[in-house]
PDB file of N, CA and C in Angstrom:
ATOM      1  N   MET A   1      10.654   0.846   9.906  1.00  0.00           N
ATOM      2  CA  MET A   1       9.992   0.667   9.562  1.00  0.00           C
ATOM      3  C   MET A   1       8.830   0.639  10.913  1.00  0.00           C
ATOM      4  N   ASN A   2       7.250   1.294  10.682  1.00  0.00           N
ATOM      5  CA  ASN A   2       6.504   0.769  11.432  1.00  0.00           C
ATOM      6  C   ASN A   2       5.246   1.042  10.447  1.00  0.00           C
ATOM      7  N   ILE A   3       4.333  -0.801  11.086  1.00  0.00           N
ATOM      8  CA  ILE A   3       3.399  -1.292  10.544  1.00  0.00           C
ATOM      9  C   ILE A   3       1.668  -0.623  11.609  1.00  0.00           C
ATOM     10  N   GLU A   4       0.977  -0.102  10.798  1.00  0.00           N
ATOM     11  CA  GLU A   4      -0.396  -0.197  11.530  1.00  0.00           C
ATOM     12  C   GLU A   4      -1.679  -0.438  10.853  1.00  0.00           C
ATOM     13  N   THR A   5      -2.567  -1.576  11.399  1.00  0.00           N
ATOM     14  CA  THR A   5      -3.344  -1.780  10.458  1.00  0.00           C
ATOM     15  C   THR A   5      -4.681  -1.518  11.175  1.00  0.00           C
ATOM     16  N   ARG A   6      -5.857  -0.991  10.407  1.00  0.00           N
ATOM     17  CA  ARG A   6      -7.029  -0.699  11.044  1.00  0.00           C
ATOM     18  C   ARG A   6      -8.020  -1.046  10.095  1.00  0.00           C
ATOM     19  N   ASP A   7      -9.138  -1.114  10.775  1.00  0.00           N
ATOM     20  CA  ASP A   7     -10.720  -1.492   9.715  1.00  0.00           C
ATOM     21  C   ASP A   7     -10.985  -0.226   9.699  1.00  0.00           C
ATOM     22  N   SER A   8     -11.406   0.463   8.314  1.00  0.00           N
ATOM     23  CA  SER A   8     -12.204   1.334   8.243  1.00  0.00           C
ATOM     24  C   SER A   8     -13.332   1.105   7.224  1.00  0.00           C
ATOM     25  N   PRO A   9     -14.293   0.275   7.855  1.00  0.00           N
ATOM     26  CA  PRO A   9     -15.235  -0.258   6.503  1.00  0.00           C
ATOM     27  C   PRO A   9     -15.324   0.636   4.982  1.00  0.00           C
ATOM     28  N   PRO A  10     -16.007  -0.171   4.419  1.00  0.00           N
ATOM     29  CA  PRO A  10     -15.765  -1.523   4.002  1.00  0.00           C
ATOM     30  C   PRO A  10     -14.077  -2.073   4.046  1.00  0.00           C
ATOM     31  N   PHE A  11     -13.053  -1.089   3.995  1.00  0.00           N
ATOM     32  CA  PHE A  11     -11.514  -1.397   3.807  1.00  0.00           C
ATOM     33  C   PHE A  11     -10.951  -1.753   5.435  1.00  0.00           C
ATOM     34  N   ARG A  12      -9.529  -2.294   4.791  1.00  0.00           N
ATOM     35  CA  ARG A  12      -8.454  -2.689   5.408  1.00  0.00           C
ATOM     36  C   ARG A  12      -7.570  -1.565   5.183  1.00  0.00           C
ATOM     37  N   VAL A  13      -7.445  -1.077   6.236  1.00  0.00           N
ATOM     38  CA  VAL A  13      -6.416   0.215   5.885  1.00  0.00           C
ATOM     39  C   VAL A  13      -4.903  -0.559   6.611  1.00  0.00           C
ATOM     40  N   ILE A  14      -3.851  -0.125   5.790  1.00  0.00           N
ATOM     41  CA  ILE A  14      -2.353  -0.378   6.446  1.00  0.00           C
ATOM     42  C   ILE A  14      -1.677   0.824   6.429  1.00  0.00           C
ATOM     43  N   LEU A  15      -1.265   1.268   7.358  1.00  0.00           N
ATOM     44  CA  LEU A  15      -0.444   2.763   7.432  1.00  0.00           C
ATOM     45  C   LEU A  15       1.474   2.203   7.911  1.00  0.00           C
ATOM     46  N   LEU A  16       2.072   2.405   6.654  1.00  0.00           N
ATOM     47  CA  LEU A  16       3.025   2.490   6.564  1.00  0.00           C
ATOM     48  C   LEU A  16       4.371   3.760   7.042  1.00  0.00           C
ATOM     49  N   SER A  17       5.409   3.534   7.653  1.00  0.00           N
ATOM     50  CA  SER A  17       5.741   4.711   7.999  1.00  0.00           C
ATOM     51  C   SER A  17       7.067   4.422   8.184  1.00  0.00           C
ATOM     52  N   GLY A  18       8.057   5.425   7.620  1.00  0.00           N
ATOM     53  CA  GLY A  18       9.449   5.425   7.770  1.00  0.00           C
ATOM     54  C   GLY A  18      10.233   4.640   6.699  1.00  0.00           C
ATOM     55  N   ASP A  19      11.213   3.542   6.431  1.00  0.00           N
ATOM     56  CA  ASP A  19      11.619   3.486   5.595  1.00  0.00           C
ATOM     57  C   ASP A  19      11.416   1.792   5.004  1.00  0.00           C
ATOM     58  N   VAL A  20      11.034   1.261   3.998  1.00  0.00           N
ATOM     59  CA  VAL A  20      10.522   0.061   3.102  1.00  0.00           C
ATOM     60  C   VAL A  20      11.618  -0.102   2.675  1.00  0.00           C
ATOM     61  N   ASP A  21      12.461  -0.766   3.539  1.00  0.00           N
ATOM     62  CA  ASP A  21      13.474  -1.416   2.598  1.00  0.00           C
ATOM     63  C   ASP A  21      13.579  -2.984   2.445  1.00  0.00           C
ATOM     64  N   LEU A  22      15.144  -3.185   2.659  1.00  0.00           N
ATOM     65  CA  LEU A  22      15.053  -4.774   2.367  1.00  0.00           C
ATOM     66  C   LEU A  22      14.950  -5.520   3.312  1.00  0.00           C
ATOM     67  N   HIS A  23      15.670  -4.570   4.325  1.00  0.00           N
ATOM     68  CA  HIS A  23      15.485  -5.063   5.914  1.00  0.00           C
ATOM     69  C   HIS A  23      13.509  -5.438   6.200  1.00  0.00           C
ATOM     70  N   SER A  24      13.181  -4.540   5.638  1.00  0.00           N
ATOM     71  CA  SER A  24      11.637  -4.206   6.607  1.00  0.00           C
ATOM     72  C   SER A  24      10.320  -4.386   5.408  1.00  0.00           C
ATOM     73  N   SER A  25      10.822  -4.586   4.017  1.00  0.00           N
ATOM     74  CA  SER A  25       9.636  -5.088   2.992  1.00  0.00           C
ATOM     75  C   SER A  25       8.976  -6.167   3.567  1.00  0.00           C
ATOM     76  N   PRO A  26       9.879  -7.484   4.081  1.00  0.00           N
ATOM     77  CA  PRO A  26       9.177  -8.841   4.276  1.00  0.00           C
ATOM     78  C   PRO A  26       8.158  -8.655   5.313  1.00  0.00           C
ATOM     79  N   GLN A  27       8.230  -7.550   6.020  1.00  0.00           N
ATOM     80  CA  GLN A  27       6.937  -7.494   6.869  1.00  0.00           C
ATOM     81  C   GLN A  27       6.001  -6.821   6.352  1.00  0.00           C
ATOM     82  N   ALA A  28       5.830  -6.002   5.691  1.00  0.00           N
ATOM     83  CA  ALA A  28       5.018  -5.016   4.870  1.00  0.00           C
ATOM     84  C   ALA A  28       4.326  -6.513   4.332  1.00  0.00           C
ATOM     85  N   ARG A  29       5.154  -6.806   3.149  1.00  0.00           N
ATOM     86  CA  ARG A  29       4.887  -7.743   2.503  1.00  0.00           C
ATOM     87  C   ARG A  29       3.726  -8.793   3.523  1.00  0.00           C
ATOM     88  N   GLN A  30       4.224  -9.604   4.641  1.00  0.00           N
ATOM     89  CA  GLN A  30       3.277 -10.432   4.979  1.00  0.00           C
ATOM     90  C   GLN A  30       2.228  -9.356   5.605  1.00  0.00           C
ATOM     91  N   SER A  31       2.082  -8.001   5.631  1.00  0.00           N
ATOM     92  CA  SER A  31       0.971  -7.742   6.695  1.00  0.00           C
ATOM     93  C   SER A  31       0.038  -7.147   5.558  1.00  0.00           C
ATOM     94  N   ILE A  32       0.712  -7.189   4.037  1.00  0.00           N
ATOM     95  CA  ILE A  32      -0.336  -6.621   3.135  1.00  0.00           C
ATOM     96  C   ILE A  32      -0.735  -8.170   2.889  1.00  0.00           C
ATOM     97  N   LEU A  33      -0.115  -9.254   2.457  1.00  0.00           N
ATOM     98  CA  LEU A  33      -0.999 -11.008   2.330  1.00  0.00           C
ATOM     99  C   LEU A  33      -2.230 -11.097   3.475  1.00  0.00           C
ATOM    100  N   ASP A  34      -1.681 -10.975   4.678  1.00  0.00           N
ATOM    101  CA  ASP A  34      -2.029 -11.618   5.690  1.00  0.00           C
ATOM    102  C   ASP A  34      -3.820 -10.577   5.612  1.00  0.00           C
ATOM    103  N   SER A  35      -3.709  -9.354   5.480  1.00  0.00           N
ATOM    104  CA  SER A  35      -4.824  -8.079   4.900  1.00  0.00           C
ATOM    105  C   SER A  35      -5.744  -8.613   3.877  1.00  0.00           C
ATOM    106  N   LEU A  36      -5.212  -9.106   3.072  1.00  0.00           N
ATOM    107  CA  LEU A  36      -5.858  -9.310   1.933  1.00  0.00           C
ATOM    108  C   LEU A  36      -6.373 -11.013   2.061  1.00  0.00           C
ATOM    109  N   LYS A  37      -6.142 -11.978   3.123  1.00  0.00           N
ATOM    110  CA  LYS A  37      -7.150 -12.813   3.620  1.00  0.00           C
ATOM    111  C   LYS A  37      -8.368 -12.624   4.300  1.00  0.00           C
ATOM    112  N   THR A  38      -8.573 -11.389   4.710  1.00  0.00           N
ATOM    113  CA  THR A  38      -9.557 -11.321   4.955  1.00  0.00           C
ATOM    114  C   THR A  38     -10.538 -10.811   3.940  1.00  0.00           C
ATOM    115  N   GLY A  39     -10.319 -10.877   3.276  1.00  0.00           N
ATOM    116  CA  GLY A  39     -11.348 -10.718   1.888  1.00  0.00           C
ATOM    117  C   GLY A  39     -12.073  -9.477   1.887  1.00  0.00           C
ATOM    118  N   LYS A  40     -11.324  -8.675   2.846  1.00  0.00           N
ATOM    119  CA  LYS A  40     -11.448  -7.034   2.718  1.00  0.00           C
ATOM    120  C   LYS A  40     -10.757  -6.267   1.356  1.00  0.00           C
ATOM    121  N   PRO A  41     -11.240  -5.208   0.938  1.00  0.00           N
ATOM    122  CA  PRO A  41     -10.538  -4.263  -0.179  1.00  0.00           C
ATOM    123  C   PRO A  41      -9.482  -3.600   0.468  1.00  0.00           C
ATOM    124  N   LEU A  42      -8.132  -3.622   0.231  1.00  0.00           N
ATOM    125  CA  LEU A  42      -6.970  -3.006   1.010  1.00  0.00           C
ATOM    126  C   LEU A  42      -6.671  -1.253   0.484  1.00  0.00           C
ATOM    127  N   LEU A  43      -6.230  -0.822   1.301  1.00  0.00           N
ATOM    128  CA  LEU A  43      -5.908   0.706   1.308  1.00  0.00           C
ATOM    129  C   LEU A  43      -4.270   0.681   1.902  1.00  0.00           C
ATOM    130  N   VAL A  44      -3.430   0.892   1.643  1.00  0.00           N
ATOM    131  CA  VAL A  44      -2.202   1.087   1.650  1.00  0.00           C
ATOM    132  C   VAL A  44      -1.732   2.591   1.726  1.00  0.00           C
ATOM    133  N   ASP A  45      -1.680   3.537   3.104  1.00  0.00           N
ATOM    134  CA  ASP A  45      -1.331   4.370   3.115  1.00  0.00           C
ATOM    135  C   ASP A  45       0.268   4.656   3.242  1.00  0.00           C
ATOM    136  N   LEU A  46       0.716   5.659   2.240  1.00  0.00           N
ATOM    137  CA  LEU A  46       2.205   5.518   2.548  1.00  0.00           C
ATOM    138  C   LEU A  46       2.864   7.229   2.554  1.00  0.00           C
ATOM    139  N   SER A  47       1.746   7.458   3.427  1.00  0.00           N
ATOM    140  CA  SER A  47       2.287   9.277   3.662  1.00  0.00           C
ATOM    141  C   SER A  47       3.150   9.222   4.585  1.00  0.00           C
ATOM    142  N   GLY A  48       3.704   8.330   5.010  1.00  0.00           N
ATOM    143  CA  GLY A  48       4.512   8.376   6.403  1.00  0.00           C
ATOM    144  C   GLY A  48       6.164   7.552   6.057  1.00  0.00           C
ATOM    145  N   VAL A  49       5.778   7.686   4.574  1.00  0.00           N
ATOM    146  CA  VAL A  49       6.910   6.680   3.940  1.00  0.00           C
ATOM    147  C   VAL A  49       8.585   7.761   3.813  1.00  0.00           C
ATOM    148  N   SER A  50       9.452   7.060   4.312  1.00  0.00           N
ATOM    149  CA  SER A  50      10.565   8.173   4.294  1.00  0.00           C
ATOM    150  C   SER A  50      11.452   7.985   3.295  1.00  0.00           C
ATOM    151  N   TYR A  51      11.524   6.413   3.077  1.00  0.00           N
ATOM    152  CA  TYR A  51      12.112   5.893   2.198  1.00  0.00           C
ATOM    153  C   TYR A  51      11.621   4.984   1.515  1.00  0.00           C
ATOM    154  N   MET A  52      11.745   4.336   0.017  1.00  0.00           N
ATOM    155  CA  MET A  52      10.865   2.955  -0.678  1.00  0.00           C
ATOM    156  C   MET A  52      12.492   2.468  -1.424  1.00  0.00           C
ATOM    157  N   ASP A  53      12.871   1.221  -1.346  1.00  0.00           N
ATOM    158  CA  ASP A  53      13.619   0.575  -2.496  1.00  0.00           C
ATOM    159  C   ASP A  53      12.695  -0.269  -3.336  1.00  0.00           C
ATOM    160  N   SER A  54      13.282  -1.062  -4.439  1.00  0.00           N
ATOM    161  CA  SER A  54      12.725  -1.436  -5.124  1.00  0.00           C
ATOM    162  C   SER A  54      11.894  -2.561  -4.224  1.00  0.00           C
ATOM    163  N   SER A  55      12.099  -3.562  -3.631  1.00  0.00           N
ATOM    164  CA  SER A  55      11.966  -4.606  -2.519  1.00  0.00           C
ATOM    165  C   SER A  55      10.619  -4.060  -1.589  1.00  0.00           C
ATOM    166  N   GLY A  56      10.255  -2.727  -1.289  1.00  0.00           N
ATOM    167  CA  GLY A  56       9.026  -2.254  -0.786  1.00  0.00           C
ATOM    168  C   GLY A  56       7.991  -2.152  -2.076  1.00  0.00           C
ATOM    169  N   VAL A  57       8.656  -1.807  -3.567  1.00  0.00           N
ATOM    170  CA  VAL A  57       8.080  -2.012  -4.556  1.00  0.00           C
ATOM    171  C   VAL A  57       7.441  -3.409  -4.810  1.00  0.00           C
ATOM    172  N   ALA A  58       8.278  -3.919  -4.725  1.00  0.00           N
ATOM    173  CA  ALA A  58       7.881  -5.799  -4.972  1.00  0.00           C
ATOM    174  C   ALA A  58       6.872  -6.185  -4.377  1.00  0.00           C
ATOM    175  N   SER A  59       6.661  -5.169  -2.795  1.00  0.00           N
ATOM    176  CA  SER A  59       5.540  -6.175  -2.125  1.00  0.00           C
ATOM    177  C   SER A  59       4.425  -5.482  -2.510  1.00  0.00           C
ATOM    178  N   LEU A  60       4.227  -4.472  -2.537  1.00  0.00           N
ATOM    179  CA  LEU A  60       3.044  -3.317  -3.064  1.00  0.00           C
ATOM    180  C   LEU A  60       2.844  -4.524  -4.140  1.00  0.00           C
ATOM    181  N   VAL A  61       3.399  -4.704  -5.206  1.00  0.00           N
ATOM    182  CA  VAL A  61       3.181  -5.255  -6.524  1.00  0.00           C
ATOM    183  C   VAL A  61       2.385  -6.487  -6.175  1.00  0.00           C
ATOM    184  N   GLU A  62       3.257  -7.223  -5.483  1.00  0.00           N
ATOM    185  CA  GLU A  62       2.503  -8.655  -5.046  1.00  0.00           C
ATOM    186  C   GLU A  62       1.062  -8.510  -4.590  1.00  0.00           C
ATOM    187  N   GLY A  63       0.801  -7.419  -3.223  1.00  0.00           N
ATOM    188  CA  GLY A  63      -0.400  -6.838  -3.255  1.00  0.00           C
ATOM    189  C   GLY A  63      -1.344  -6.900  -4.130  1.00  0.00           C
ATOM    190  N   TYR A  64      -0.759  -5.929  -4.864  1.00  0.00           N
ATOM    191  CA  TYR A  64      -1.759  -5.580  -6.134  1.00  0.00           C
ATOM    192  C   TYR A  64      -2.229  -7.041  -7.165  1.00  0.00           C
ATOM    193  N   GLN A  65      -1.125  -7.423  -7.057  1.00  0.00           N
ATOM    194  CA  GLN A  65      -1.509  -9.059  -8.214  1.00  0.00           C
ATOM    195  C   GLN A  65      -2.720  -9.872  -7.358  1.00  0.00           C
ATOM    196  N   THR A  66      -2.318  -9.914  -5.702  1.00  0.00           N
ATOM    197  CA  THR A  66      -2.838 -11.002  -4.962  1.00  0.00           C
ATOM    198  C   THR A  66      -4.354 -10.565  -5.126  1.00  0.00           C
ATOM    199  N   ALA A  67      -4.295  -9.136  -4.945  1.00  0.00           N
ATOM    200  CA  ALA A  67      -5.771  -8.620  -4.610  1.00  0.00           C
ATOM    201  C   ALA A  67      -6.779  -8.717  -5.904  1.00  0.00           C
ATOM    202  N   ARG A  68      -6.239  -8.125  -6.923  1.00  0.00           N
ATOM    203  CA  ARG A  68      -6.935  -8.785  -8.376  1.00  0.00           C
ATOM    204  C   ARG A  68      -7.111 -10.113  -8.225  1.00  0.00           C
ATOM    205  N   LYS A  69      -6.085 -11.160  -8.449  1.00  0.00           N
ATOM    206  CA  LYS A  69      -6.821 -12.720  -8.588  1.00  0.00           C
ATOM    207  C   LYS A  69      -8.017 -12.768  -7.527  1.00  0.00           C
ATOM    208  N   GLN A  70      -7.965 -12.280  -6.239  1.00  0.00           N
ATOM    209  CA  GLN A  70      -9.320 -11.951  -5.705  1.00  0.00           C
ATOM    210  C   GLN A  70     -10.402 -11.431  -5.604  1.00  0.00           C
ATOM    211  N   GLY A  71     -10.256 -10.472  -6.720  1.00  0.00           N
ATOM    212  CA  GLY A  71     -11.617  -9.282  -6.972  1.00  0.00           C
ATOM    213  C   GLY A  71     -11.473  -8.574  -6.026  1.00  0.00           C
ATOM    214  N   LEU A  72     -10.681  -7.870  -5.591  1.00  0.00           N
ATOM    215  CA  LEU A  72     -10.478  -6.707  -4.042  1.00  0.00           C
ATOM    216  C   LEU A  72      -9.773  -5.713  -4.457  1.00  0.00           C
ATOM    217  N   GLU A  73     -10.475  -4.930  -4.036  1.00  0.00           N
ATOM    218  CA  GLU A  73      -9.767  -3.294  -4.762  1.00  0.00           C
ATOM    219  C   GLU A  73      -8.448  -3.709  -3.348  1.00  0.00           C
ATOM    220  N   PHE A  74      -7.261  -2.622  -4.383  1.00  0.00           N
ATOM    221  CA  PHE A  74      -6.229  -2.438  -3.544  1.00  0.00           C
ATOM    222  C   PHE A  74      -5.710  -0.693  -4.081  1.00  0.00           C
ATOM    223  N   GLY A  75      -5.753  -0.016  -3.360  1.00  0.00           N
ATOM    224  CA  GLY A  75      -5.498   1.318  -3.288  1.00  0.00           C
ATOM    225  C   GLY A  75      -4.381   1.682  -2.904  1.00  0.00           C
ATOM    226  N   LEU A  76      -3.281   2.570  -3.322  1.00  0.00           N
ATOM    227  CA  LEU A  76      -2.571   3.684  -2.684  1.00  0.00           C
ATOM    228  C   LEU A  76      -2.890   4.801  -2.466  1.00  0.00           C
ATOM    229  N   ALA A  77      -2.517   5.343  -0.856  1.00  0.00           N
ATOM    230  CA  ALA A  77      -3.117   6.525  -0.175  1.00  0.00           C
ATOM    231  C   ALA A  77      -1.987   7.629   0.161  1.00  0.00           C
ATOM    232  N   ALA A  78      -2.237   8.716  -0.323  1.00  0.00           N
ATOM    233  CA  ALA A  78      -1.023   9.463   0.178  1.00  0.00           C
ATOM    234  C   ALA A  78       0.599   9.379  -0.329  1.00  0.00           C
ATOM    235  N   PRO A  79       0.735   8.847  -1.083  1.00  0.00           N
ATOM    236  CA  PRO A  79       2.455   8.471  -1.208  1.00  0.00           C
ATOM    237  C   PRO A  79       2.668   9.721  -0.895  1.00  0.00           C
ATOM    238  N   ALA A  80       3.669  10.044   0.005  1.00  0.00           N
ATOM    239  CA  ALA A  80       5.079  10.615   0.442  1.00  0.00           C
ATOM    240  C   ALA A  80       5.928  10.917  -0.764  1.00  0.00           C
ATOM    241  N   GLY A  81       6.305  11.937  -0.898  1.00  0.00           N
ATOM    242  CA  GLY A  81       7.534  12.494  -2.259  1.00  0.00           C
ATOM    243  C   GLY A  81       8.446  10.906  -2.360  1.00  0.00           C
ATOM    244  N   PRO A  82       9.164  10.369  -1.576  1.00  0.00           N
ATOM    245  CA  PRO A  82      10.330   9.561  -1.548  1.00  0.00           C
ATOM    246  C   PRO A  82       9.454   8.299  -2.181  1.00  0.00           C
ATOM    247  N   ALA A  83       8.364   8.170  -1.527  1.00  0.00           N
ATOM    248  CA  ALA A  83       7.914   6.519  -2.606  1.00  0.00           C
ATOM    249  C   ALA A  83       7.129   7.080  -4.035  1.00  0.00           C
ATOM    250  N   MET A  84       6.507   8.045  -3.776  1.00  0.00           N
ATOM    251  CA  MET A  84       5.823   8.464  -4.988  1.00  0.00           C
ATOM    252  C   MET A  84       7.079   8.126  -5.966  1.00  0.00           C
ATOM    253  N   SER A  85       8.315   9.150  -6.149  1.00  0.00           N
ATOM    254  CA  SER A  85       9.473   8.955  -6.391  1.00  0.00           C
ATOM    255  C   SER A  85       9.857   7.830  -7.729  1.00  0.00           C
ATOM    256  N   VAL A  86       9.679   6.635  -6.397  1.00  0.00           N
ATOM    257  CA  VAL A  86      10.321   5.475  -6.524  1.00  0.00           C
ATOM    258  C   VAL A  86       8.609   4.799  -7.501  1.00  0.00           C
ATOM    259  N   LEU A  87       7.501   4.842  -6.870  1.00  0.00           N
ATOM    260  CA  LEU A  87       6.559   4.647  -8.509  1.00  0.00           C
ATOM    261  C   LEU A  87       6.640   5.151  -9.417  1.00  0.00           C
ATOM    262  N   LYS A  88       6.967   6.526  -9.711  1.00  0.00           N
ATOM    263  CA  LYS A  88       6.724   6.754 -10.792  1.00  0.00           C
ATOM    264  C   LYS A  88       8.082   6.373 -11.773  1.00  0.00           C
ATOM    265  N   LEU A  89       9.377   6.463 -11.000  1.00  0.00           N
ATOM    266  CA  LEU A  89      10.082   5.828 -11.211  1.00  0.00           C
ATOM    267  C   LEU A  89       9.949   4.394 -12.334  1.00  0.00           C
ATOM    268  N   ALA A  90       9.429   3.783 -11.813  1.00  0.00           N
ATOM    269  CA  ALA A  90       8.974   2.689 -12.182  1.00  0.00           C
ATOM    270  C   ALA A  90       7.801   2.207 -13.284  1.00  0.00           C
ATOM    271  N   ARG A  91       7.183   3.855 -13.283  1.00  0.00           N
ATOM    272  CA  ARG A  91       5.640   3.975 -14.198  1.00  0.00           C
ATOM    273  C   ARG A  91       4.536   3.402 -13.573  1.00  0.00           C
ATOM    274  N   LEU A  92       4.892   2.917 -12.184  1.00  0.00           N
ATOM    275  CA  LEU A  92       4.125   1.881 -11.593  1.00  0.00           C
ATOM    276  C   LEU A  92       2.691   2.933 -11.118  1.00  0.00           C
ATOM    277  N   ASP A  93       2.905   3.857 -11.046  1.00  0.00           N
ATOM    278  CA  ASP A  93       1.309   5.640 -10.849  1.00  0.00           C
ATOM    279  C   ASP A  93       0.894   5.268 -12.079  1.00  0.00           C
ATOM    280  N   LYS A  94       1.155   4.807 -13.569  1.00  0.00           N
ATOM    281  CA  LYS A  94       0.135   4.248 -14.010  1.00  0.00           C
ATOM    282  C   LYS A  94      -0.685   2.835 -13.781  1.00  0.00           C
ATOM    283  N   VAL A  95      -0.352   2.304 -12.926  1.00  0.00           N
ATOM    284  CA  VAL A  95      -0.802   1.041 -12.868  1.00  0.00           C
ATOM    285  C   VAL A  95      -1.442   0.954 -11.439  1.00  0.00           C
ATOM    286  N   PHE A  96      -1.006   1.248 -10.491  1.00  0.00           N
ATOM    287  CA  PHE A  96      -1.633   1.144  -8.878  1.00  0.00           C
ATOM    288  C   PHE A  96      -2.868   2.418  -9.072  1.00  0.00           C
ATOM    289  N   PRO A  97      -4.221   2.338  -8.393  1.00  0.00           N
ATOM    290  CA  PRO A  97      -4.419   3.003  -8.549  1.00  0.00           C
ATOM    291  C   PRO A  97      -4.279   4.100  -6.890  1.00  0.00           C
ATOM    292  N   ILE A  98      -3.969   4.969  -7.005  1.00  0.00           N
ATOM    293  CA  ILE A  98      -3.424   6.516  -6.473  1.00  0.00           C
ATOM    294  C   ILE A  98      -4.583   7.381  -5.524  1.00  0.00           C
ATOM    295  N   HIS A  99      -4.664   8.153  -4.561  1.00  0.00           N
ATOM    296  CA  HIS A  99      -6.068   8.551  -4.096  1.00  0.00           C
ATOM    297  C   HIS A  99      -4.636   9.396  -3.518  1.00  0.00           C
ATOM    298  N   ALA A 100      -5.423  10.654  -3.590  1.00  0.00           N
ATOM    299  CA  ALA A 100      -4.859  12.092  -2.746  1.00  0.00           C
ATOM    300  C   ALA A 100      -4.704  11.758  -1.093  1.00  0.00           C
ATOM    301  N   SER A 101      -5.687  10.995  -0.438  1.00  0.00           N
ATOM    302  CA  SER A 101      -5.703  11.224   0.624  1.00  0.00           C
ATOM    303  C   SER A 101      -6.491   9.671   0.940  1.00  0.00           C
ATOM    304  N   LEU A 102      -6.130   9.339   2.387  1.00  0.00           N
ATOM    305  CA  LEU A 102      -6.752   7.888   2.622  1.00  0.00           C
ATOM    306  C   LEU A 102      -8.152   8.631   3.035  1.00  0.00           C
ATOM    307  N   GLU A 103      -8.626   9.576   3.474  1.00  0.00           N
ATOM    308  CA  GLU A 103      -9.707  10.429   4.000  1.00  0.00           C
ATOM    309  C   GLU A 103     -10.707  10.273   2.801  1.00  0.00           C
ATOM    310  N   GLU A 104      -9.880  10.887   1.734  1.00  0.00           N
ATOM    311  CA  GLU A 104     -10.835  10.977   0.141  1.00  0.00           C
ATOM    312  C   GLU A 104     -10.967  10.093  -0.356  1.00  0.00           C
ATOM    313  N   ARG A 105     -10.435   8.555  -0.390  1.00  0.00           N
ATOM    314  CA  ARG A 105     -10.449   7.502  -0.544  1.00  0.00           C
ATOM    315  C   ARG A 105     -12.436   6.822   0.087  1.00  0.00           C
ATOM    316  N   LEU A 106     -12.008   6.692   1.601  1.00  0.00           N
ATOM    317  CA  LEU A 106     -12.268   6.678   2.582  1.00  0.00           C
ATOM    318  C   LEU A 106     -14.428   7.410   2.621  1.00  0.00           C
ATOM    319  N   ALA A 107     -14.169   8.208   1.674  1.00  0.00           N
ATOM    320  CA  ALA A 107     -15.265   8.966   1.950  1.00  0.00           C
ATOM    321  C   ALA A 107     -16.098   8.886   0.833  1.00  0.00           C
ATOM    322  N   ARG A 108     -15.248   8.023   0.100  1.00  0.00           N
ATOM    323  CA  ARG A 108     -16.272   7.630  -1.493  1.00  0.00           C
ATOM    324  C   ARG A 108     -16.878   6.547  -0.782  1.00  0.00           C
ATOM    325  N   GLY A 109     -16.446   5.496   0.105  1.00  0.00           N
ATOM    326  CA  GLY A 109     -16.821   4.715   0.348  1.00  0.00           C
ATOM    327  C   GLY A 109     -16.461   3.113  -0.049  1.00  0.00           C
TER     328      GLY A 109
END
C-alpha cells in the first residue's frame, strides 16, 4: 500500500493505493487519525485501491467516527471497484459520504 497526504484547502487529502489489508491498514488508520488532528476536513481518495479487507474498512469507520466527534467533514472519493464492493457489502455506501471523484468534491469547496 502507498499513502500520499496533501493539503487542498480547505481539505486534507489522503490518497491510498494498492492493497489495504491486515498488514497495511494500521498505517492507513494512523495516517487518517493524524490528518484529523490538523482540524481540517478529510477526504480519502480510494481510486487506487486494488484490494480492501475488513481491517481497511475498520480504519475508515474509525476515521469517520473521529471526524464526526470533532465536527469535521469526512468523505471518500472515487472508490475503485474492489473498495466499493466491500463498502457495499458492509452497507457502508449508505453511511459514508462518497464522491464520484476527488476533483468533483474539491471543486465544490
